[in-house]
Amino acid sequence: MQIEYTGRHIEVTPDLRKYTEKRLEKLRRVLRDSCSLHVILEAEKHRRIAELTLKWRDHTLVGIEETTDSRSSINGALDKLERQAVRLLQGRWTKKRRPGPTAAVRLNVMQSAWDHLEPRAVIKTERVPIKPLSMEEAIETLEADSCELVIFRNMETERVNVVYRRRDGNFVVVEPEET
């Protein structure tokens, strides 16, 4: 981590530098990657202002704190930076990466070949809408309609599933494999 210090009407002593770097350990663990930090310490009458600007990847985080003591100003500004960094990373951790919803699927019905010499051909093509359903609703739809199969988006797993009825009357659910 590259750290740059600027003092305005105050001398940035090695003790303040060491204190700031010691307090940065938690932020280093959270961010892991290399980043740059600009620490501006300012003194105005009885106020001590610490402004920390952190540049990490394509984000800029800023923490400003104003107290009567330089160390407590650094503490407050670093606490604000840590909260911002954790909030930024939680957004990345909790974002669910799922494929976009598919509105419809093309279903091809193939001609059965009685003769091994005759090639198979597509008899009919239709677009089947994919609706979000639970497993029970999909089976009810299959029983109510005279269709041979139901293609649906499972509301529990958010994945596309297929339900069809076998010749013996039992239902078969086809689910994609988790990768």
Protein backbone atom coordinates (compact mmCIF):
# COMPACT_ATOMS: atom_id res chain seq x y z
CA MET A 1 0.00 0.00 0.00
CA GLN A 2 1.39 3.37 -1.01
CA ILE A 3 0.86 6.05 1.62
CA GLU A 4 1.38 9.74 0.98
CA TYR A 5 1.26 12.25 3.83
CA THR A 6 0.47 15.96 3.66
CA GLY A 7 0.55 18.29 6.64
CA ARG A 8 -1.22 21.64 6.60
CA HIS A 9 -0.09 23.88 9.45
CA ILE A 10 1.06 20.75 11.27
CA GLU A 11 4.19 18.65 11.08
CA VAL A 12 3.56 14.99 10.25
CA THR A 13 5.85 13.32 12.77
CA PRO A 14 7.20 9.77 12.42
CA ASP A 15 5.09 8.88 15.45
CA LEU A 16 1.87 9.90 13.63
CA ARG A 17 3.00 8.00 10.52
CA LYS A 18 3.68 4.86 12.55
CA TYR A 19 0.33 5.17 14.35
CA THR A 20 -1.54 5.58 11.05
CA GLU A 21 0.21 2.59 9.45
CA LYS A 22 -0.52 0.44 12.50
CA ARG A 23 -4.23 1.35 12.32
CA LEU A 24 -4.27 0.53 8.56
CA GLU A 25 -3.69 -3.21 9.15
CA LYS A 26 -7.41 -4.00 9.31
CA LEU A 27 -8.06 -2.08 6.10
CA ARG A 28 -5.21 -3.96 4.39
CA ARG A 29 -6.77 -7.29 5.38
CA VAL A 30 -10.17 -6.23 4.07
CA LEU A 31 -8.96 -4.90 0.70
CA ARG A 32 -6.13 -7.41 0.09
CA ASP A 33 -5.08 -5.76 -3.19
CA SER A 34 -2.67 -2.91 -3.64
CA CYS A 35 -4.13 0.55 -3.19
CA SER A 36 -2.95 4.08 -2.58
CA LEU A 37 -3.81 6.26 0.40
CA HIS A 38 -3.40 10.01 0.76
CA VAL A 39 -3.43 11.24 4.36
CA ILE A 40 -3.98 14.97 4.87
CA LEU A 41 -3.58 16.24 8.43
CA GLU A 42 -4.67 19.81 9.07
CA ALA A 43 -4.55 22.09 12.13
CA GLU A 44 -6.83 25.12 12.51
CA LYS A 45 -6.81 26.84 15.89
CA HIS A 46 -7.98 24.10 18.30
CA ARG A 47 -9.34 21.73 15.60
CA ARG A 48 -7.41 18.81 14.12
CA ILE A 49 -8.77 17.49 10.80
CA ALA A 50 -7.78 14.20 9.22
CA GLU A 51 -8.81 13.54 5.62
CA LEU A 52 -7.97 10.13 4.17
CA THR A 53 -8.49 9.40 0.48
CA LEU A 54 -8.16 5.76 -0.56
CA LYS A 55 -7.96 4.75 -4.21
CA TRP A 56 -8.66 1.07 -4.74
CA ARG A 57 -9.25 -0.41 -8.19
CA ASP A 58 -11.75 1.98 -9.78
CA HIS A 59 -13.18 3.29 -6.49
CA THR A 60 -12.28 6.30 -4.37
CA LEU A 61 -13.18 6.21 -0.68
CA VAL A 62 -12.92 9.31 1.50
CA GLY A 63 -13.01 9.58 5.29
CA ILE A 64 -12.92 12.97 7.06
CA GLU A 65 -12.93 13.49 10.82
CA GLU A 66 -12.55 16.64 12.89
CA THR A 67 -11.66 16.53 16.61
CA THR A 68 -9.34 18.26 19.05
CA ASP A 69 -6.67 15.53 18.83
CA SER A 70 -4.77 14.31 15.74
CA ARG A 71 -4.86 10.64 16.74
CA SER A 72 -8.60 10.57 17.37
CA SER A 73 -9.14 12.35 14.03
CA ILE A 74 -7.10 9.63 12.29
CA ASN A 75 -9.08 6.95 14.17
CA GLY A 76 -12.42 8.42 13.13
CA ALA A 77 -11.41 8.85 9.49
CA LEU A 78 -10.04 5.30 9.32
CA ASP A 79 -13.24 3.92 10.87
CA LYS A 80 -15.25 5.66 8.16
CA LEU A 81 -12.94 4.25 5.47
CA GLU A 82 -13.26 0.74 6.88
CA ARG A 83 -17.07 0.94 6.89
CA GLN A 84 -17.07 2.16 3.29
CA ALA A 85 -14.70 -0.60 2.19
CA VAL A 86 -16.75 -3.32 3.91
CA ARG A 87 -19.97 -1.98 2.37
CA LEU A 88 -18.32 -1.91 -1.05
CA LEU A 89 -17.07 -5.48 -0.74
CA GLN A 90 -20.37 -6.79 0.67
CA GLY A 91 -22.06 -5.56 -2.48
CA ARG A 92 -19.65 -7.67 -4.50
CA TRP A 93 -19.99 -10.72 -2.23
CA THR A 94 -23.78 -10.75 -2.09
CA LYS A 95 -24.45 -10.08 -5.75
CA LYS A 96 -25.93 -13.22 -7.24
CA ARG A 97 -24.63 -14.02 -10.67
CA ARG A 98 -27.43 -15.75 -12.49
CA PRO A 99 -28.18 -15.98 -16.13
CA GLY A 100 -30.83 -13.63 -17.42
CA PRO A 101 -34.36 -14.97 -17.55
CA THR A 102 -35.25 -16.75 -20.74
CA ALA A 103 -38.65 -15.76 -22.09
CA ALA A 104 -39.20 -18.77 -24.33
CA VAL A 105 -37.52 -21.92 -25.58
CA ARG A 106 -37.75 -23.39 -29.07
CA LEU A 107 -39.05 -26.95 -29.01
CA ASN A 108 -38.43 -29.20 -32.03
CA VAL A 109 -40.51 -32.33 -32.58
CA MET A 110 -38.53 -34.91 -34.55
CA GLN A 111 -39.93 -37.44 -36.97
CA SER A 112 -39.40 -41.03 -35.91
CA ALA A 113 -37.32 -43.03 -38.36
CA TRP A 114 -38.70 -46.51 -39.02
CA ASP A 115 -36.03 -47.12 -41.50
CA HIS A 116 -32.37 -46.69 -40.55
CA LEU A 117 -31.73 -45.34 -44.01
CA GLU A 118 -34.24 -42.51 -43.70
CA PRO A 119 -32.82 -39.41 -41.93
CA ARG A 120 -34.77 -37.79 -39.10
CA ALA A 121 -36.47 -34.48 -39.87
CA VAL A 122 -38.14 -31.76 -37.82
CA ILE A 123 -41.92 -32.06 -38.12
CA LYS A 124 -42.94 -29.01 -36.13
CA THR A 125 -41.27 -26.19 -34.20
CA GLU A 126 -43.03 -24.17 -31.52
CA ARG A 127 -42.00 -21.56 -28.98
CA VAL A 128 -42.85 -22.53 -25.42
CA PRO A 129 -43.02 -19.73 -22.80
CA ILE A 130 -41.01 -20.23 -19.63
CA LYS A 131 -43.00 -19.18 -16.57
CA PRO A 132 -41.79 -19.06 -12.98
CA LEU A 133 -43.60 -21.91 -11.20
CA SER A 134 -43.14 -24.12 -8.19
CA MET A 135 -42.76 -27.87 -8.70
CA GLU A 136 -46.35 -28.51 -7.59
CA GLU A 137 -47.74 -25.86 -9.95
CA ALA A 138 -45.80 -27.36 -12.87
CA ILE A 139 -47.23 -30.83 -12.18
CA GLU A 140 -50.75 -29.36 -11.86
CA THR A 141 -50.29 -27.59 -15.21
CA LEU A 142 -49.16 -30.85 -16.79
CA GLU A 143 -52.20 -32.68 -15.41
CA ALA A 144 -54.67 -29.94 -16.39
CA ASP A 145 -53.41 -29.39 -19.95
CA SER A 146 -53.11 -32.04 -22.57
CA CYS A 147 -49.45 -31.13 -23.16
CA GLU A 148 -46.69 -33.69 -23.01
CA LEU A 149 -44.22 -31.61 -21.01
CA VAL A 150 -43.90 -28.36 -19.08
CA ILE A 151 -40.79 -26.18 -19.24
CA PHE A 152 -40.64 -23.74 -16.33
CA ARG A 153 -38.32 -21.65 -14.16
CA ASN A 154 -38.23 -23.21 -10.71
CA MET A 155 -39.02 -20.49 -8.17
CA GLU A 156 -36.85 -22.12 -5.49
CA THR A 157 -33.67 -22.59 -7.55
CA GLU A 158 -34.23 -19.95 -10.28
CA ARG A 159 -33.18 -22.55 -12.89
CA VAL A 160 -35.02 -23.84 -15.92
CA ASN A 161 -36.57 -27.30 -15.31
CA VAL A 162 -38.63 -29.71 -17.39
CA VAL A 163 -41.44 -31.98 -16.13
CA TYR A 164 -42.97 -34.74 -18.27
CA ARG A 165 -45.14 -37.81 -17.74
CA ARG A 166 -43.80 -41.28 -18.51
CA ARG A 167 -45.94 -43.93 -20.15
CA ASP A 168 -46.44 -45.65 -16.80
CA GLY A 169 -48.05 -42.43 -15.41
CA ASN A 170 -45.14 -41.29 -13.20
CA PHE A 171 -43.68 -37.79 -13.50
CA VAL A 172 -40.04 -37.07 -14.34
CA VAL A 173 -38.32 -33.80 -13.41
CA VAL A 174 -35.24 -32.78 -15.38
CA GLU A 175 -33.03 -30.31 -13.50
CA PRO A 176 -29.77 -28.80 -14.78
CA GLU A 177 -26.60 -29.83 -12.99
CA GLU A 178 -24.90 -27.30 -10.71
CA THR A 179 -21.50 -26.18 -11.98
